[in-house]
Every structure is written in C-alpha cells, then in structure tokens.
Amino acid sequence: MTAGPRPAPRTPAADDDRSSVASAAERARTVATRQAASVTALGLGTSHLLAATTTEDGDVLVVVPRSGGLAAAVAAAPEGDLPARVTVTSRSPLPLRNPLRARLELAGWLTPVPARDEPERVLAFAAAHAADVLLDVGLTAILLRLDLAEVLLHEGGGCTELTPEEYAAARPDPLWTAETDLLADCAGPLAELCARVRARTGDDDVHLLGVDRFGVVFRVEHRRGCYDLRTPFPTPLAGPAEFAAAVDGLLACSRG
C-alpha cells in the first residue's frame, strides 16, 4: 500500500544550529498543535476532522464520526489500514490580509486504535489537546491513529521533508499555548516594535505575524509579494513568563 502521490520538490530537514531559529522538526510540531486540520483519504476526497493532535510521544491521532465515511472506509480496508494524508494549517491569530504561516502534511495509513489501548490514547490526546469531542469517543466518535510515513512542512514558498523519527522526537514551541494572550498583553510594546521595524523597511507595509520562543515575527508586504522578518531574542525563552521582559529588551536595543 502507498500513502498516495509523493509531492515534489522538497529539501531534506537539517539541524539548525542557529540560536535564532527553531529546528524544522520543532516548527512542524508547533504547526501540529493548531486545530485547522483536514484529512484526504484514498477514494474519499478531503474532509474536516473533529479533532487531531500529535501526542507528546509523537503519536498522530484523529477523531472522526463513527457514522461517517472515513470510519467505514477504515473498517472495510482489506489490510486494516487506509492510505491518508492529514493536513494542518497554522494561521496568525491577528487580522491579516494573508494570515497563513505554514502548512503541515502528515501522510501514512489510518488504523483504528485497539479497544484495549483506547483509554490510554484518549488521555494522551487530552494532554496534548483537551478537545471536548474526546468525551464522544466510544459513543458517536472513534479514535484513529496515523501510522506515519511522511512529514512535509510548507513555509514561505519552500517545503522541508522530515523523517517520522525526527518529527516524533521534537517538541512544540513552549509559547504556542499562550501566543494569543501574549499578543494581547504586550500589544503596546509590540506595536512600538512593529513601528521601528516599519521605519527600516522603506515603503513596504509591516504587520505583526506572531511570536515564539526565538523572537517576534513580522510579515512585510510589498508590491511583488511578501516575506517574513524575525526580530530575534538574544537567547531563546524558556516559557511565556519571560516574554514581556524579552520584548522590552528588544525595544531598549532599538532605542539605543
């Protein structure tokens, strides 16, 4: 069995030893935390998932309606698995003309989670994403596991391929759960920082795109398109509690 056509062109993932940028695997795991997920399965087309996540140990799990076509197709698959591709998109929480930041594709084979493993896998799912629909698993919804074969991370017009092992071993950015709150709580300092970046980009328009442990990211728009620009912190942050002071530090440097 195959997981469907393999898209071209791509670049292999490489460890990034720069302190200002997360590894591709970390960026992929961060995208996987977002809830805008869909699945494309052999013979079924594309459909929205009730919920999807990657657990701490790297297991890719999805929740689908028990009465839906996907559950029926997995149950009827001759070898007990169904080729599928789960797609997760990361969008800025801010109101931008183009809020898309990245797209993650996870390809492999969907299989039912065995009944004996279901309680433990539901708890692992909830630890990564406490979705209300987990209460319906075993009733009107079922839990499926994606036996991962291929990981593709699309960002800024490029595509990076990761091995399933690299993906499973990485962890998401520690600021992702607090990003929306951090953007709101530090709106004033971030607006000042955006203005300072805008002053250095000429006639191009600059918008705040998001934040992570490595810095503040802006989207720069010009007549021919757009690109993303990062203002890095001196050292990566350990968690959200360090964010406000780090932004103040960036402003102090820009004023100097």
C-alpha atoms as a PDB file:
ATOM      1  CA  MET A   1       0.000   0.000   0.000  1.00  0.00           C
ATOM      2  CA  THR A   2       1.075   3.583  -0.537  1.00  0.00           C
ATOM      3  CA  ALA A   3       0.202   6.816   1.187  1.00  0.00           C
ATOM      4  CA  GLY A   4      -0.679   8.489  -2.102  1.00  0.00           C
ATOM      5  CA  PRO A   5       1.399  10.508  -4.565  1.00  0.00           C
ATOM      6  CA  ARG A   6       4.617  11.932  -3.196  1.00  0.00           C
ATOM      7  CA  PRO A   7       4.807  15.666  -3.943  1.00  0.00           C
ATOM      8  CA  ALA A   8       7.951  17.135  -5.442  1.00  0.00           C
ATOM      9  CA  PRO A   9      10.174  19.392  -4.872  1.00  0.00           C
ATOM     10  CA  ARG A  10      11.376  19.378  -1.313  1.00  0.00           C
ATOM     11  CA  THR A  11      14.503  19.760   0.777  1.00  0.00           C
ATOM     12  CA  PRO A  12      15.670  17.369   3.478  1.00  0.00           C
ATOM     13  CA  ALA A  13      15.487  18.642   7.027  1.00  0.00           C
ATOM     14  CA  ALA A  14      18.735  19.628   8.668  1.00  0.00           C
ATOM     15  CA  ASP A  15      19.546  20.511  12.254  1.00  0.00           C
ATOM     16  CA  ASP A  16      19.694  24.277  12.601  1.00  0.00           C
ATOM     17  CA  ASP A  17      22.443  25.328  14.976  1.00  0.00           C
ATOM     18  CA  ARG A  18      21.440  28.977  14.907  1.00  0.00           C
ATOM     19  CA  SER A  19      20.004  30.165  18.195  1.00  0.00           C
ATOM     20  CA  SER A  20      17.539  32.494  16.435  1.00  0.00           C
ATOM     21  CA  VAL A  21      15.549  29.833  14.573  1.00  0.00           C
ATOM     22  CA  ALA A  22      13.759  26.690  15.706  1.00  0.00           C
ATOM     23  CA  SER A  23      14.571  23.402  14.005  1.00  0.00           C
ATOM     24  CA  ALA A  24      12.250  22.304  11.214  1.00  0.00           C
ATOM     25  CA  ALA A  25      11.036  19.465  13.427  1.00  0.00           C
ATOM     26  CA  GLU A  26      10.113  21.871  16.232  1.00  0.00           C
ATOM     27  CA  ARG A  27       8.329  24.139  13.768  1.00  0.00           C
ATOM     28  CA  ALA A  28       6.408  21.159  12.402  1.00  0.00           C
ATOM     29  CA  ARG A  29       5.355  20.034  15.878  1.00  0.00           C
ATOM     30  CA  THR A  30       4.231  23.597  16.627  1.00  0.00           C
ATOM     31  CA  VAL A  31       2.073  23.684  13.492  1.00  0.00           C
ATOM     32  CA  ALA A  32       0.587  20.338  14.555  1.00  0.00           C
ATOM     33  CA  THR A  33      -0.831  21.983  17.681  1.00  0.00           C
ATOM     34  CA  ARG A  34      -3.195  24.077  15.549  1.00  0.00           C
ATOM     35  CA  GLN A  35      -6.753  22.890  15.153  1.00  0.00           C
ATOM     36  CA  ALA A  36      -7.371  23.714  11.479  1.00  0.00           C
ATOM     37  CA  ALA A  37      -6.986  20.097  10.327  1.00  0.00           C
ATOM     38  CA  SER A  38      -8.398  18.068   7.452  1.00  0.00           C
ATOM     39  CA  VAL A  39      -7.794  14.591   6.057  1.00  0.00           C
ATOM     40  CA  THR A  40      -7.586  13.319   2.497  1.00  0.00           C
ATOM     41  CA  ALA A  41      -8.137   9.568   2.224  1.00  0.00           C
ATOM     42  CA  LEU A  42      -7.975   7.174  -0.696  1.00  0.00           C
ATOM     43  CA  GLY A  43     -11.301   7.208  -2.530  1.00  0.00           C
ATOM     44  CA  LEU A  44     -12.962   9.684  -0.149  1.00  0.00           C
ATOM     45  CA  GLY A  45     -11.537  13.093  -1.009  1.00  0.00           C
ATOM     46  CA  THR A  46     -10.946  15.691   1.700  1.00  0.00           C
ATOM     47  CA  SER A  47     -12.970  16.090   4.878  1.00  0.00           C
ATOM     48  CA  HIS A  48     -12.690  18.047   8.129  1.00  0.00           C
ATOM     49  CA  LEU A  49     -11.644  16.205  11.267  1.00  0.00           C
ATOM     50  CA  LEU A  50     -13.488  16.502  14.573  1.00  0.00           C
ATOM     51  CA  ALA A  51     -10.076  16.809  16.231  1.00  0.00           C
ATOM     52  CA  ALA A  52      -6.456  15.951  15.551  1.00  0.00           C
ATOM     53  CA  THR A  53      -3.250  16.086  17.551  1.00  0.00           C
ATOM     54  CA  THR A  54       0.255  14.761  17.927  1.00  0.00           C
ATOM     55  CA  THR A  55       0.823  13.384  21.411  1.00  0.00           C
ATOM     56  CA  GLU A  56       3.930  14.047  23.475  1.00  0.00           C
ATOM     57  CA  ASP A  57       5.388  10.715  22.351  1.00  0.00           C
ATOM     58  CA  GLY A  58       4.799  11.591  18.680  1.00  0.00           C
ATOM     59  CA  ASP A  59       1.636   9.577  18.026  1.00  0.00           C
ATOM     60  CA  VAL A  60      -0.634  11.198  15.405  1.00  0.00           C
ATOM     61  CA  LEU A  61      -4.270  10.710  16.452  1.00  0.00           C
ATOM     62  CA  VAL A  62      -7.525  11.886  14.874  1.00  0.00           C
ATOM     63  CA  VAL A  63     -11.161  11.781  15.950  1.00  0.00           C
ATOM     64  CA  VAL A  64     -13.832  11.127  13.307  1.00  0.00           C
ATOM     65  CA  PRO A  65     -17.602  10.496  13.415  1.00  0.00           C
ATOM     66  CA  ARG A  66     -18.462   6.837  13.976  1.00  0.00           C
ATOM     67  CA  SER A  67     -21.181   7.077  11.318  1.00  0.00           C
ATOM     68  CA  GLY A  68     -19.006   8.858   8.753  1.00  0.00           C
ATOM     69  CA  GLY A  69     -17.463   7.602   5.542  1.00  0.00           C
ATOM     70  CA  LEU A  70     -13.918   7.672   6.860  1.00  0.00           C
ATOM     71  CA  ALA A  71     -14.666   5.350   9.773  1.00  0.00           C
ATOM     72  CA  ALA A  72     -16.457   2.973   7.410  1.00  0.00           C
ATOM     73  CA  ALA A  73     -13.596   3.026   4.905  1.00  0.00           C
ATOM     74  CA  VAL A  74     -11.010   2.222   7.586  1.00  0.00           C
ATOM     75  CA  ALA A  75     -13.162  -0.625   8.902  1.00  0.00           C
ATOM     76  CA  ALA A  76     -13.584  -2.038   5.386  1.00  0.00           C
ATOM     77  CA  ALA A  77      -9.938  -1.686   4.321  1.00  0.00           C
ATOM     78  CA  PRO A  78      -8.672  -5.135   3.222  1.00  0.00           C
ATOM     79  CA  GLU A  79      -5.439  -4.862   5.213  1.00  0.00           C
ATOM     80  CA  GLY A  80      -6.943  -2.942   8.125  1.00  0.00           C
ATOM     81  CA  ASP A  81      -5.444   0.416   7.199  1.00  0.00           C
ATOM     82  CA  LEU A  82      -6.283   3.228   4.814  1.00  0.00           C
ATOM     83  CA  PRO A  83      -3.798   5.495   2.977  1.00  0.00           C
ATOM     84  CA  ALA A  84      -4.444   9.069   4.101  1.00  0.00           C
ATOM     85  CA  ARG A  85      -2.894  12.496   4.413  1.00  0.00           C
ATOM     86  CA  VAL A  86      -3.651  14.777   7.380  1.00  0.00           C
ATOM     87  CA  THR A  87      -3.121  18.490   6.694  1.00  0.00           C
ATOM     88  CA  VAL A  88      -2.791  21.087   9.444  1.00  0.00           C
ATOM     89  CA  THR A  89      -2.521  24.823   8.776  1.00  0.00           C
ATOM     90  CA  SER A  90      -1.075  27.494  11.042  1.00  0.00           C
ATOM     91  CA  ARG A  91      -2.614  30.938  10.765  1.00  0.00           C
ATOM     92  CA  SER A  92      -1.759  34.095  12.642  1.00  0.00           C
ATOM     93  CA  PRO A  93      -4.283  34.964  15.357  1.00  0.00           C
ATOM     94  CA  LEU A  94      -4.104  38.551  14.104  1.00  0.00           C
ATOM     95  CA  PRO A  95      -6.403  40.014  11.403  1.00  0.00           C
ATOM     96  CA  LEU A  96      -4.049  39.996   8.408  1.00  0.00           C
ATOM     97  CA  ARG A  97      -4.755  40.013   4.691  1.00  0.00           C
ATOM     98  CA  ASN A  98      -2.786  36.776   4.411  1.00  0.00           C
ATOM     99  CA  PRO A  99      -2.654  35.109   7.836  1.00  0.00           C
ATOM    100  CA  LEU A 100      -1.221  31.772   6.626  1.00  0.00           C
ATOM    101  CA  ARG A 101       2.094  30.951   8.300  1.00  0.00           C
ATOM    102  CA  ALA A 102       2.713  27.298   7.479  1.00  0.00           C
ATOM    103  CA  ARG A 103       1.107  24.066   6.340  1.00  0.00           C
ATOM    104  CA  LEU A 104       1.985  20.616   7.647  1.00  0.00           C
ATOM    105  CA  GLU A 105       1.249  17.392   5.772  1.00  0.00           C
ATOM    106  CA  LEU A 106       1.356  14.072   7.616  1.00  0.00           C
ATOM    107  CA  ALA A 107       0.973  11.073   5.316  1.00  0.00           C
ATOM    108  CA  GLY A 108       0.618   7.420   6.203  1.00  0.00           C
ATOM    109  CA  TRP A 109      -2.033   4.838   6.992  1.00  0.00           C
ATOM    110  CA  LEU A 110      -5.068   5.302   9.218  1.00  0.00           C
ATOM    111  CA  THR A 111      -5.814   2.414  11.570  1.00  0.00           C
ATOM    112  CA  PRO A 112      -8.317   2.020  14.416  1.00  0.00           C
ATOM    113  CA  VAL A 113      -6.898   2.369  17.916  1.00  0.00           C
ATOM    114  CA  PRO A 114      -7.425  -1.045  19.578  1.00  0.00           C
ATOM    115  CA  ALA A 115     -10.081  -1.037  22.294  1.00  0.00           C
ATOM    116  CA  ARG A 116      -7.541  -2.074  24.934  1.00  0.00           C
ATOM    117  CA  ASP A 117      -5.382   0.968  24.095  1.00  0.00           C
ATOM    118  CA  GLU A 118      -8.185   3.489  23.660  1.00  0.00           C
ATOM    119  CA  PRO A 119      -8.406   4.846  27.258  1.00  0.00           C
ATOM    120  CA  GLU A 120      -4.653   5.481  27.433  1.00  0.00           C
ATOM    121  CA  ARG A 121      -4.562   7.066  23.958  1.00  0.00           C
ATOM    122  CA  VAL A 122      -7.530   9.307  24.792  1.00  0.00           C
ATOM    123  CA  LEU A 123      -5.650  10.546  27.859  1.00  0.00           C
ATOM    124  CA  ALA A 124      -2.525  11.151  25.757  1.00  0.00           C
ATOM    125  CA  PHE A 125      -4.664  13.053  23.234  1.00  0.00           C
ATOM    126  CA  ALA A 126      -6.210  15.160  26.002  1.00  0.00           C
ATOM    127  CA  ALA A 127      -2.788  16.003  27.434  1.00  0.00           C
ATOM    128  CA  ALA A 128      -1.807  17.492  24.068  1.00  0.00           C
ATOM    129  CA  HIS A 129      -5.214  18.958  23.183  1.00  0.00           C
ATOM    130  CA  ALA A 130      -8.177  18.860  25.566  1.00  0.00           C
ATOM    131  CA  ALA A 131     -10.862  18.612  22.878  1.00  0.00           C
ATOM    132  CA  ASP A 132     -14.459  18.291  24.083  1.00  0.00           C
ATOM    133  CA  VAL A 133     -15.140  15.706  21.361  1.00  0.00           C
ATOM    134  CA  LEU A 134     -12.943  13.213  23.225  1.00  0.00           C
ATOM    135  CA  LEU A 135     -15.936  12.651  25.505  1.00  0.00           C
ATOM    136  CA  ASP A 136     -17.726  11.175  22.476  1.00  0.00           C
ATOM    137  CA  VAL A 137     -15.025   8.604  21.661  1.00  0.00           C
ATOM    138  CA  GLY A 138     -16.570   5.169  22.007  1.00  0.00           C
ATOM    139  CA  LEU A 139     -20.048   6.626  21.528  1.00  0.00           C
ATOM    140  CA  THR A 140     -20.603   8.756  18.421  1.00  0.00           C
ATOM    141  CA  ALA A 141     -16.932   9.167  17.525  1.00  0.00           C
ATOM    142  CA  ILE A 142     -13.941   6.883  17.071  1.00  0.00           C
ATOM    143  CA  LEU A 143     -10.214   7.371  17.559  1.00  0.00           C
ATOM    144  CA  LEU A 144      -7.864   6.589  14.685  1.00  0.00           C
ATOM    145  CA  ARG A 145      -4.070   6.504  14.590  1.00  0.00           C
ATOM    146  CA  LEU A 146      -1.995   7.602  11.604  1.00  0.00           C
ATOM    147  CA  ASP A 147       0.922   5.222  11.056  1.00  0.00           C
ATOM    148  CA  LEU A 148       3.254   7.984   9.912  1.00  0.00           C
ATOM    149  CA  ALA A 149       5.338   7.542   6.760  1.00  0.00           C
ATOM    150  CA  GLU A 150       5.992  11.073   5.506  1.00  0.00           C
ATOM    151  CA  VAL A 151       6.176  14.557   7.035  1.00  0.00           C
ATOM    152  CA  LEU A 152       6.244  17.688   4.872  1.00  0.00           C
ATOM    153  CA  LEU A 153       6.439  21.231   6.242  1.00  0.00           C
ATOM    154  CA  HIS A 154       5.489  24.035   3.834  1.00  0.00           C
ATOM    155  CA  GLU A 155       6.668  27.540   4.772  1.00  0.00           C
ATOM    156  CA  GLY A 156       7.390  30.693   2.807  1.00  0.00           C
ATOM    157  CA  GLY A 157       7.162  29.002  -0.577  1.00  0.00           C
ATOM    158  CA  GLY A 158       9.509  26.163   0.412  1.00  0.00           C
ATOM    159  CA  CYS A 159       8.983  22.578   1.531  1.00  0.00           C
ATOM    160  CA  THR A 160      11.047  20.625   4.067  1.00  0.00           C
ATOM    161  CA  GLU A 161      10.849  16.860   4.493  1.00  0.00           C
ATOM    162  CA  LEU A 162      11.271  15.312   7.937  1.00  0.00           C
ATOM    163  CA  THR A 163      11.575  11.698   8.931  1.00  0.00           C
ATOM    164  CA  PRO A 164       8.849  10.358  11.216  1.00  0.00           C
ATOM    165  CA  GLU A 165      11.554   9.834  13.851  1.00  0.00           C
ATOM    166  CA  GLU A 166      12.679  13.487  13.706  1.00  0.00           C
ATOM    167  CA  TYR A 167       9.079  14.618  13.963  1.00  0.00           C
ATOM    168  CA  ALA A 168       8.268  12.349  16.913  1.00  0.00           C
ATOM    169  CA  ALA A 169      11.384  13.362  18.850  1.00  0.00           C
ATOM    170  CA  ALA A 170      10.725  17.124  18.610  1.00  0.00           C
ATOM    171  CA  ARG A 171       8.545  19.213  20.906  1.00  0.00           C
ATOM    172  CA  PRO A 172       6.350  22.227  20.036  1.00  0.00           C
ATOM    173  CA  ASP A 173       7.351  25.774  20.888  1.00  0.00           C
ATOM    174  CA  PRO A 174       6.631  26.410  24.595  1.00  0.00           C
ATOM    175  CA  LEU A 175       4.904  29.727  23.825  1.00  0.00           C
ATOM    176  CA  TRP A 176       2.279  28.322  21.471  1.00  0.00           C
ATOM    177  CA  THR A 177      -0.460  27.856  24.086  1.00  0.00           C
ATOM    178  CA  ALA A 178      -0.034  31.453  25.279  1.00  0.00           C
ATOM    179  CA  GLU A 179       0.572  33.210  21.957  1.00  0.00           C
ATOM    180  CA  THR A 180      -2.826  34.913  21.704  1.00  0.00           C
ATOM    181  CA  ASP A 181      -2.658  36.132  25.305  1.00  0.00           C
ATOM    182  CA  LEU A 182       0.921  37.360  24.883  1.00  0.00           C
ATOM    183  CA  LEU A 183      -0.045  39.345  21.781  1.00  0.00           C
ATOM    184  CA  ALA A 184      -2.876  40.985  23.730  1.00  0.00           C
ATOM    185  CA  ASP A 185      -0.981  41.582  26.975  1.00  0.00           C
ATOM    186  CA  CYS A 186       2.027  43.111  25.196  1.00  0.00           C
ATOM    187  CA  ALA A 187       0.086  44.896  22.446  1.00  0.00           C
ATOM    188  CA  GLY A 188       1.618  48.302  23.226  1.00  0.00           C
ATOM    189  CA  PRO A 189       5.296  47.272  23.236  1.00  0.00           C
ATOM    190  CA  LEU A 190       4.767  45.045  20.199  1.00  0.00           C
ATOM    191  CA  ALA A 191       3.133  47.927  18.297  1.00  0.00           C
ATOM    192  CA  GLU A 192       6.149  50.102  19.108  1.00  0.00           C
ATOM    193  CA  LEU A 193       8.493  47.369  17.928  1.00  0.00           C
ATOM    194  CA  CYS A 194       6.467  46.992  14.714  1.00  0.00           C
ATOM    195  CA  ALA A 195       6.740  50.742  14.088  1.00  0.00           C
ATOM    196  CA  ARG A 196      10.511  50.567  14.497  1.00  0.00           C
ATOM    197  CA  VAL A 197      10.738  47.678  12.032  1.00  0.00           C
ATOM    198  CA  ARG A 198       8.477  49.563   9.608  1.00  0.00           C
ATOM    199  CA  ALA A 199      10.791  52.576   9.755  1.00  0.00           C
ATOM    200  CA  ARG A 200      13.596  50.402   8.381  1.00  0.00           C
ATOM    201  CA  THR A 201      11.704  48.782   5.508  1.00  0.00           C
ATOM    202  CA  GLY A 202      11.083  51.845   3.363  1.00  0.00           C
ATOM    203  CA  ASP A 203       7.701  51.903   1.659  1.00  0.00           C
ATOM    204  CA  ASP A 204       6.858  48.283   2.492  1.00  0.00           C
ATOM    205  CA  ASP A 205       3.964  47.602   4.845  1.00  0.00           C
ATOM    206  CA  VAL A 206       4.790  45.700   8.042  1.00  0.00           C
ATOM    207  CA  HIS A 207       2.374  43.701  10.204  1.00  0.00           C
ATOM    208  CA  LEU A 208       2.915  41.675  13.348  1.00  0.00           C
ATOM    209  CA  LEU A 209       2.562  37.987  12.405  1.00  0.00           C
ATOM    210  CA  GLY A 210       3.245  36.105  15.627  1.00  0.00           C
ATOM    211  CA  VAL A 211       5.694  35.223  18.365  1.00  0.00           C
ATOM    212  CA  ASP A 212       7.658  32.208  19.520  1.00  0.00           C
ATOM    213  CA  ARG A 213      10.463  31.459  21.931  1.00  0.00           C
ATOM    214  CA  PHE A 214      13.038  32.711  19.440  1.00  0.00           C
ATOM    215  CA  GLY A 215      11.590  36.149  18.752  1.00  0.00           C
ATOM    216  CA  VAL A 216       8.884  38.308  17.191  1.00  0.00           C
ATOM    217  CA  VAL A 217       7.902  37.665  13.574  1.00  0.00           C
ATOM    218  CA  PHE A 218       6.606  40.316  11.179  1.00  0.00           C
ATOM    219  CA  ARG A 219       5.106  39.989   7.712  1.00  0.00           C
ATOM    220  CA  VAL A 220       6.471  42.532   5.263  1.00  0.00           C
ATOM    221  CA  GLU A 221       4.248  43.222   2.256  1.00  0.00           C
ATOM    222  CA  HIS A 222       5.410  44.900  -0.940  1.00  0.00           C
ATOM    223  CA  ARG A 223       4.083  45.240  -4.468  1.00  0.00           C
ATOM    224  CA  ARG A 224       5.602  41.954  -5.658  1.00  0.00           C
ATOM    225  CA  GLY A 225       4.551  39.838  -2.694  1.00  0.00           C
ATOM    226  CA  CYS A 226       5.553  39.401   0.926  1.00  0.00           C
ATOM    227  CA  TYR A 227       8.166  37.883   3.188  1.00  0.00           C
ATOM    228  CA  ASP A 228       8.554  37.234   6.900  1.00  0.00           C
ATOM    229  CA  LEU A 229      11.097  39.039   9.056  1.00  0.00           C
ATOM    230  CA  ARG A 230      12.160  37.914  12.523  1.00  0.00           C
ATOM    231  CA  THR A 231      13.423  40.154  15.315  1.00  0.00           C
ATOM    232  CA  PRO A 232      15.267  37.582  17.454  1.00  0.00           C
ATOM    233  CA  PHE A 233      15.673  37.490  21.195  1.00  0.00           C
ATOM    234  CA  PRO A 234      19.299  37.287  22.401  1.00  0.00           C
ATOM    235  CA  THR A 235      18.571  33.789  23.730  1.00  0.00           C
ATOM    236  CA  PRO A 236      15.522  31.522  23.307  1.00  0.00           C
ATOM    237  CA  LEU A 237      12.870  31.852  26.003  1.00  0.00           C
ATOM    238  CA  ALA A 238      12.064  29.023  28.376  1.00  0.00           C
ATOM    239  CA  GLY A 239       8.389  29.964  28.627  1.00  0.00           C
ATOM    240  CA  PRO A 240       5.707  32.674  28.416  1.00  0.00           C
ATOM    241  CA  ALA A 241       6.725  34.301  31.722  1.00  0.00           C
ATOM    242  CA  GLU A 242       9.910  35.603  30.083  1.00  0.00           C
ATOM    243  CA  PHE A 243       8.196  37.172  27.067  1.00  0.00           C
ATOM    244  CA  ALA A 244       7.363  40.691  28.293  1.00  0.00           C
ATOM    245  CA  ALA A 245      10.895  41.318  29.556  1.00  0.00           C
ATOM    246  CA  ALA A 246      12.343  39.986  26.302  1.00  0.00           C
ATOM    247  CA  VAL A 247      10.235  42.399  24.219  1.00  0.00           C
ATOM    248  CA  ASP A 248      11.278  45.270  26.485  1.00  0.00           C
ATOM    249  CA  GLY A 249      14.870  44.237  25.840  1.00  0.00           C
ATOM    250  CA  LEU A 250      14.361  44.404  22.077  1.00  0.00           C
ATOM    251  CA  LEU A 251      12.872  47.880  22.402  1.00  0.00           C
ATOM    252  CA  ALA A 252      15.754  49.046  24.572  1.00  0.00           C
ATOM    253  CA  CYS A 253      18.213  47.863  21.928  1.00  0.00           C
ATOM    254  CA  SER A 254      16.287  49.575  19.120  1.00  0.00           C
ATOM    255  CA  ARG A 255      16.155  52.845  21.052  1.00  0.00           C
ATOM    256  CA  GLY A 256      19.871  52.705  21.609  1.00  0.00           C
END
